[in-house]
Amino acid sequence: MIITILGLAVVVISTYFVYKTAKDYGRNAALWAIGTACLGLGCQWILPFIIFIVMTFIYMATGISNPLDLQSRIIEWAFAVTIGCLLLSGVAMWFMLKKVSVLPDEPPVNAPPPPPSFT
């Protein structure tokens, strides 16, 4: 429970920093913040859910059909999957912050028009 709350706090804090950094660097801050929040929450909530569903199907295909046996097998992996997805979420949000903090390329300056000719 505490790990989940800390993970959500990291998502909120990194979303704030991505928003602030994107705004300072002239990027679309709202889209970058939404992308960071979706990436963080997706890695922390949706990815483990998908992993556990796939594990359930694999265990059922191998012959474990008793719900209690299936539940005990899934619970054996729950901590490792949760920690792995939290770490993946942190790394992904760090890369997002690193990408946003790069200065955008300045547009090329147009050459001044040629001097007028008086002929």
Protein backbone atom coordinates (compact mmCIF):
# COMPACT_ATOMS: atom_id res chain seq x y z
CA MET A 1 0.00 0.00 0.00
CA ILE A 2 2.77 2.44 0.89
CA ILE A 3 4.66 1.54 -2.28
CA THR A 4 1.59 2.40 -4.35
CA ILE A 5 1.18 5.77 -2.63
CA LEU A 6 4.86 6.57 -3.16
CA GLY A 7 4.54 5.60 -6.80
CA LEU A 8 1.57 7.90 -7.26
CA ALA A 9 3.45 10.71 -5.51
CA VAL A 10 6.36 10.25 -7.92
CA VAL A 11 3.94 10.47 -10.86
CA VAL A 12 2.43 13.71 -9.55
CA ILE A 13 5.80 15.30 -8.78
CA SER A 14 7.39 14.35 -12.10
CA THR A 15 4.28 15.51 -13.99
CA TYR A 16 4.59 18.89 -12.27
CA PHE A 17 8.29 19.17 -13.13
CA VAL A 18 7.69 18.14 -16.75
CA TYR A 19 4.93 20.76 -17.02
CA LYS A 20 7.14 23.46 -15.53
CA THR A 21 10.15 22.54 -17.67
CA ALA A 22 8.12 22.32 -20.87
CA LYS A 23 6.57 25.70 -20.17
CA ASP A 24 10.00 27.26 -19.55
CA TYR A 25 11.40 25.84 -22.78
CA GLY A 26 8.48 26.95 -24.94
CA ARG A 27 6.95 23.54 -25.54
CA ASN A 28 3.31 22.51 -25.22
CA ALA A 29 3.34 22.02 -21.45
CA ALA A 30 -0.14 20.51 -21.11
CA LEU A 31 0.50 17.74 -23.64
CA TRP A 32 3.88 16.88 -22.15
CA ALA A 33 2.35 16.74 -18.66
CA ILE A 34 -0.54 14.55 -19.83
CA GLY A 35 1.90 12.26 -21.61
CA THR A 36 4.04 11.94 -18.49
CA ALA A 37 1.05 11.19 -16.27
CA CYS A 38 -0.30 8.60 -18.72
CA LEU A 39 3.12 6.98 -19.05
CA GLY A 40 3.63 6.82 -15.28
CA LEU A 41 0.16 5.53 -14.46
CA GLY A 42 0.22 3.14 -17.40
CA CYS A 43 3.44 1.56 -16.19
CA GLN A 44 2.22 1.38 -12.60
CA TRP A 45 -1.38 0.22 -13.07
CA ILE A 46 -2.14 -1.02 -16.58
CA LEU A 47 1.08 -2.93 -17.28
CA PRO A 48 0.91 -5.07 -14.09
CA PHE A 49 -2.76 -5.77 -14.79
CA ILE A 50 -1.89 -7.04 -18.28
CA ILE A 51 1.03 -9.06 -16.92
CA PHE A 52 -1.19 -10.75 -14.33
CA ILE A 53 -3.85 -11.56 -16.93
CA VAL A 54 -1.23 -13.14 -19.20
CA MET A 55 0.19 -15.08 -16.24
CA THR A 56 -3.30 -16.32 -15.39
CA PHE A 57 -3.84 -17.60 -18.91
CA ILE A 58 -0.43 -19.26 -18.92
CA TYR A 59 -1.08 -21.00 -15.61
CA MET A 60 -4.53 -22.12 -16.78
CA ALA A 61 -3.04 -23.46 -20.02
CA THR A 62 -0.51 -25.49 -18.05
CA GLY A 63 -3.26 -27.19 -16.06
CA ILE A 64 -3.72 -25.14 -12.91
CA SER A 65 -7.46 -24.62 -12.79
CA ASN A 66 -8.16 -24.53 -9.06
CA PRO A 67 -8.81 -20.85 -8.21
CA LEU A 68 -6.94 -21.06 -4.89
CA ASP A 69 -3.85 -22.58 -6.49
CA LEU A 70 -4.03 -20.00 -9.25
CA GLN A 71 -4.31 -17.18 -6.74
CA SER A 72 -1.36 -18.43 -4.70
CA ARG A 73 0.81 -18.68 -7.82
CA ILE A 74 -0.06 -15.13 -8.89
CA ILE A 75 0.56 -13.75 -5.38
CA GLU A 76 4.04 -15.31 -5.43
CA TRP A 77 4.94 -12.96 -8.31
CA ALA A 78 2.95 -9.91 -7.18
CA PHE A 79 5.74 -8.14 -5.29
CA ALA A 80 8.35 -8.62 -8.02
CA VAL A 81 6.00 -7.46 -10.78
CA THR A 82 4.90 -4.44 -8.75
CA ILE A 83 8.44 -3.32 -7.94
CA GLY A 84 9.57 -3.93 -11.52
CA CYS A 85 6.74 -1.85 -12.93
CA LEU A 86 7.39 0.95 -10.43
CA LEU A 87 11.03 1.05 -11.45
CA LEU A 88 10.05 1.02 -15.12
CA SER A 89 7.66 3.89 -14.46
CA GLY A 90 10.38 5.93 -12.76
CA VAL A 91 12.85 5.33 -15.57
CA ALA A 92 10.26 6.21 -18.23
CA MET A 93 9.29 9.45 -16.49
CA TRP A 94 12.97 10.33 -16.03
CA PHE A 95 13.52 9.89 -19.77
CA MET A 96 10.46 12.07 -20.43
CA LEU A 97 11.87 14.82 -18.19
CA LYS A 98 15.25 14.49 -19.87
CA LYS A 99 13.66 14.80 -23.31
CA VAL A 100 11.66 17.89 -22.31
CA SER A 101 14.69 19.61 -20.79
CA VAL A 102 16.60 19.66 -24.08
CA LEU A 103 16.57 23.10 -25.64
CA PRO A 104 14.57 23.11 -28.86
CA ASP A 105 16.41 23.96 -32.04
CA GLU A 106 16.14 27.58 -32.96
CA PRO A 107 14.60 28.24 -36.34
CA PRO A 108 17.11 29.37 -38.95
CA VAL A 109 17.34 33.10 -39.36
CA ASN A 110 16.23 34.25 -42.77
CA ALA A 111 18.91 36.03 -44.71
CA PRO A 112 18.25 39.71 -45.19
CA PRO A 113 16.97 40.72 -48.62
CA PRO A 114 19.59 41.71 -51.18
CA PRO A 115 20.38 45.42 -51.40
CA PRO A 116 18.40 47.34 -54.00
CA SER A 117 20.00 47.97 -57.34
CA PHE A 118 19.74 51.50 -58.77
CA THR A 119 20.38 50.78 -62.44
